[in-house]
C-alpha atoms as a PDB file:
ATOM      1  CA  MET A   1      -0.383  17.513   0.298  1.00  0.00           C
ATOM      2  CA  SER A   2       3.028  16.095  -1.150  1.00  0.00           C
ATOM      3  CA  PHE A   3       5.815  14.693   0.912  1.00  0.00           C
ATOM      4  CA  ALA A   4       8.041  17.674   0.312  1.00  0.00           C
ATOM      5  CA  GLU A   5       5.246  20.014   1.650  1.00  0.00           C
ATOM      6  CA  PHE A   6       4.732  17.671   4.720  1.00  0.00           C
ATOM      7  CA  GLU A   7       8.443  17.804   5.488  1.00  0.00           C
ATOM      8  CA  GLN A   8       8.602  21.347   5.005  1.00  0.00           C
ATOM      9  CA  SER A   9       5.756  22.013   7.516  1.00  0.00           C
ATOM     10  CA  VAL A  10       7.890  19.926   9.960  1.00  0.00           C
ATOM     11  CA  ARG A  11      10.671  22.480   9.536  1.00  0.00           C
ATOM     12  CA  THR A  12       8.599  25.817   9.405  1.00  0.00           C
ATOM     13  CA  GLN A  13       5.252  25.384  11.294  1.00  0.00           C
ATOM     14  CA  LYS A  14       4.422  25.186  14.879  1.00  0.00           C
ATOM     15  CA  ALA A  15       1.430  22.947  14.409  1.00  0.00           C
ATOM     16  CA  PRO A  16       0.655  20.267  11.952  1.00  0.00           C
ATOM     17  CA  PRO A  17      -1.248  21.117   8.743  1.00  0.00           C
ATOM     18  CA  ALA A  18      -4.908  21.210   9.241  1.00  0.00           C
ATOM     19  CA  GLY A  19      -6.846  18.152   8.090  1.00  0.00           C
ATOM     20  CA  LEU A  20      -4.068  15.690   8.539  1.00  0.00           C
ATOM     21  CA  PRO A  21      -5.182  12.344   9.758  1.00  0.00           C
ATOM     22  CA  PRO A  22      -4.028  11.249  13.371  1.00  0.00           C
ATOM     23  CA  ALA A  23      -1.351   9.000  11.955  1.00  0.00           C
ATOM     24  CA  LEU A  24       0.122  11.685   9.897  1.00  0.00           C
ATOM     25  CA  GLN A  25      -0.316  14.086  12.892  1.00  0.00           C
ATOM     26  CA  ALA A  26       1.752  11.677  15.031  1.00  0.00           C
ATOM     27  CA  LEU A  27       4.568  11.313  12.435  1.00  0.00           C
ATOM     28  CA  TRP A  28       4.682  15.034  12.101  1.00  0.00           C
ATOM     29  CA  HIS A  29       4.791  15.519  16.149  1.00  0.00           C
ATOM     30  CA  GLU A  30       7.508  12.780  16.321  1.00  0.00           C
ATOM     31  CA  ALA A  31       9.552  14.559  13.735  1.00  0.00           C
ATOM     32  CA  LYS A  32       9.146  17.703  15.953  1.00  0.00           C
ATOM     33  CA  GLY A  33      10.602  15.875  18.867  1.00  0.00           C
ATOM     34  CA  ASP A  34       7.431  15.350  20.698  1.00  0.00           C
ATOM     35  CA  TRP A  35       7.090  11.697  21.170  1.00  0.00           C
ATOM     36  CA  GLU A  36       4.358  11.894  23.758  1.00  0.00           C
ATOM     37  CA  ARG A  37       2.069  14.069  21.677  1.00  0.00           C
ATOM     38  CA  ALA A  38       2.736  11.682  18.706  1.00  0.00           C
ATOM     39  CA  HIS A  39       1.778   8.803  20.775  1.00  0.00           C
ATOM     40  CA  THR A  40      -1.370  10.405  21.893  1.00  0.00           C
ATOM     41  CA  ALA A  41      -2.330  11.145  18.441  1.00  0.00           C
ATOM     42  CA  VAL A  42      -1.789   7.755  17.129  1.00  0.00           C
ATOM     43  CA  GLN A  43      -3.674   6.123  19.954  1.00  0.00           C
ATOM     44  CA  GLN A  44      -6.887   7.676  18.324  1.00  0.00           C
ATOM     45  CA  GLU A  45      -6.214   5.774  15.014  1.00  0.00           C
ATOM     46  CA  THR A  46      -7.371   2.146  15.061  1.00  0.00           C
ATOM     47  CA  SER A  47      -6.551   1.263  11.299  1.00  0.00           C
ATOM     48  CA  ARG A  48      -3.556  -0.756  10.137  1.00  0.00           C
ATOM     49  CA  ASP A  49      -1.921   2.552   9.192  1.00  0.00           C
ATOM     50  CA  GLY A  50      -2.140   3.890  12.665  1.00  0.00           C
ATOM     51  CA  GLU A  51      -0.932   0.576  14.157  1.00  0.00           C
ATOM     52  CA  TRP A  52       2.251   0.979  11.709  1.00  0.00           C
ATOM     53  CA  VAL A  53       2.746   4.550  12.993  1.00  0.00           C
ATOM     54  CA  HIS A  54       2.249   3.153  16.433  1.00  0.00           C
ATOM     55  CA  ALA A  55       4.851   0.555  15.941  1.00  0.00           C
ATOM     56  CA  TYR A  56       7.405   2.990  14.598  1.00  0.00           C
ATOM     57  CA  LEU A  57       6.957   5.191  17.592  1.00  0.00           C
ATOM     58  CA  HIS A  58       7.778   2.264  20.000  1.00  0.00           C
ATOM     59  CA  ARG A  59      10.779   1.468  17.744  1.00  0.00           C
ATOM     60  CA  LYS A  60      11.961   4.920  17.956  1.00  0.00           C
ATOM     61  CA  GLU A  61      11.532   4.974  21.604  1.00  0.00           C
ATOM     62  CA  GLY A  62      13.681   1.670  21.769  1.00  0.00           C
ATOM     63  CA  ASP A  63      10.915  -0.419  23.043  1.00  0.00           C
ATOM     64  CA  ASN A  64      11.435  -3.128  20.502  1.00  0.00           C
ATOM     65  CA  GLY A  65       9.162  -5.571  22.121  1.00  0.00           C
ATOM     66  CA  ASN A  66       6.209  -3.280  22.047  1.00  0.00           C
ATOM     67  CA  ALA A  67       7.071  -2.306  18.561  1.00  0.00           C
ATOM     68  CA  SER A  68       7.052  -5.876  17.442  1.00  0.00           C
ATOM     69  CA  TYR A  69       3.504  -6.225  18.812  1.00  0.00           C
ATOM     70  CA  TRP A  70       2.323  -3.231  16.768  1.00  0.00           C
ATOM     71  CA  TYR A  71       4.120  -4.308  13.706  1.00  0.00           C
ATOM     72  CA  ALA A  72       2.215  -7.594  13.797  1.00  0.00           C
ATOM     73  CA  ARG A  73      -1.201  -5.835  14.394  1.00  0.00           C
ATOM     74  CA  ALA A  74      -0.253  -3.698  11.385  1.00  0.00           C
ATOM     75  CA  GLY A  75       0.659  -6.865   9.219  1.00  0.00           C
ATOM     76  CA  ARG A  76       4.273  -5.679   8.606  1.00  0.00           C
ATOM     77  CA  LYS A  77       7.599  -7.156   9.386  1.00  0.00           C
ATOM     78  CA  PHE A  78       9.995  -5.358  11.830  1.00  0.00           C
ATOM     79  CA  PRO A  79      11.979  -3.268   9.384  1.00  0.00           C
ATOM     80  CA  GLU A  80      15.590  -3.453   8.529  1.00  0.00           C
ATOM     81  CA  THR A  81      16.056  -0.020   7.487  1.00  0.00           C
ATOM     82  CA  SER A  82      16.893   3.184   9.634  1.00  0.00           C
ATOM     83  CA  SER A  83      14.059   4.861  11.575  1.00  0.00           C
ATOM     84  CA  GLU A  84      14.595   7.845   9.230  1.00  0.00           C
ATOM     85  CA  THR A  85      14.012   5.656   6.427  1.00  0.00           C
ATOM     86  CA  GLU A  86      10.989   4.109   7.761  1.00  0.00           C
ATOM     87  CA  TRP A  87       9.468   7.580   8.582  1.00  0.00           C
ATOM     88  CA  SER A  88       9.656   8.759   5.097  1.00  0.00           C
ATOM     89  CA  GLU A  89       8.119   5.524   3.782  1.00  0.00           C
ATOM     90  CA  ILE A  90       5.238   5.741   6.326  1.00  0.00           C
ATOM     91  CA  ALA A  91       4.700   9.443   5.606  1.00  0.00           C
ATOM     92  CA  ARG A  92       4.863   8.772   1.735  1.00  0.00           C
ATOM     93  CA  ASP A  93       2.339   5.869   1.952  1.00  0.00           C
ATOM     94  CA  LEU A  94       0.045   7.787   4.098  1.00  0.00           C
ATOM     95  CA  LEU A  95       0.123  11.040   2.126  1.00  0.00           C
ATOM     96  CA  LEU A  96      -0.607   9.064  -1.026  1.00  0.00           C
ATOM     97  CA  LYS A  97      -3.781   7.686   0.580  1.00  0.00           C
ATOM     98  CA  THR A  98      -4.929  10.990   1.674  1.00  0.00           C
ATOM     99  CA  ALA A  99      -4.699  12.166  -1.974  1.00  0.00           C
ATOM    100  CA  ASP A 100      -7.247   9.535  -3.187  1.00  0.00           C
END
């Protein structure tokens, strides 16, 4: 799935596309405004990618302390970009990995 297709699914679908890994499901739900469902989805993911999304969600929530913890677990620095830019960066990175 391309990034454009993923973004379009957020705008046009009521559920995430089938087969998305939990981290991408979480980004999808967060983009739809359902932070709780996003958080539940990412808690199933124990990879560094999942930890990155987990960090992003807490950053978006405004809990920078918890976000910092998850960024450290993901091996990433707290971003200096907007949360919208980070969402796109994460989605693009994860979608590339699912294409492999």
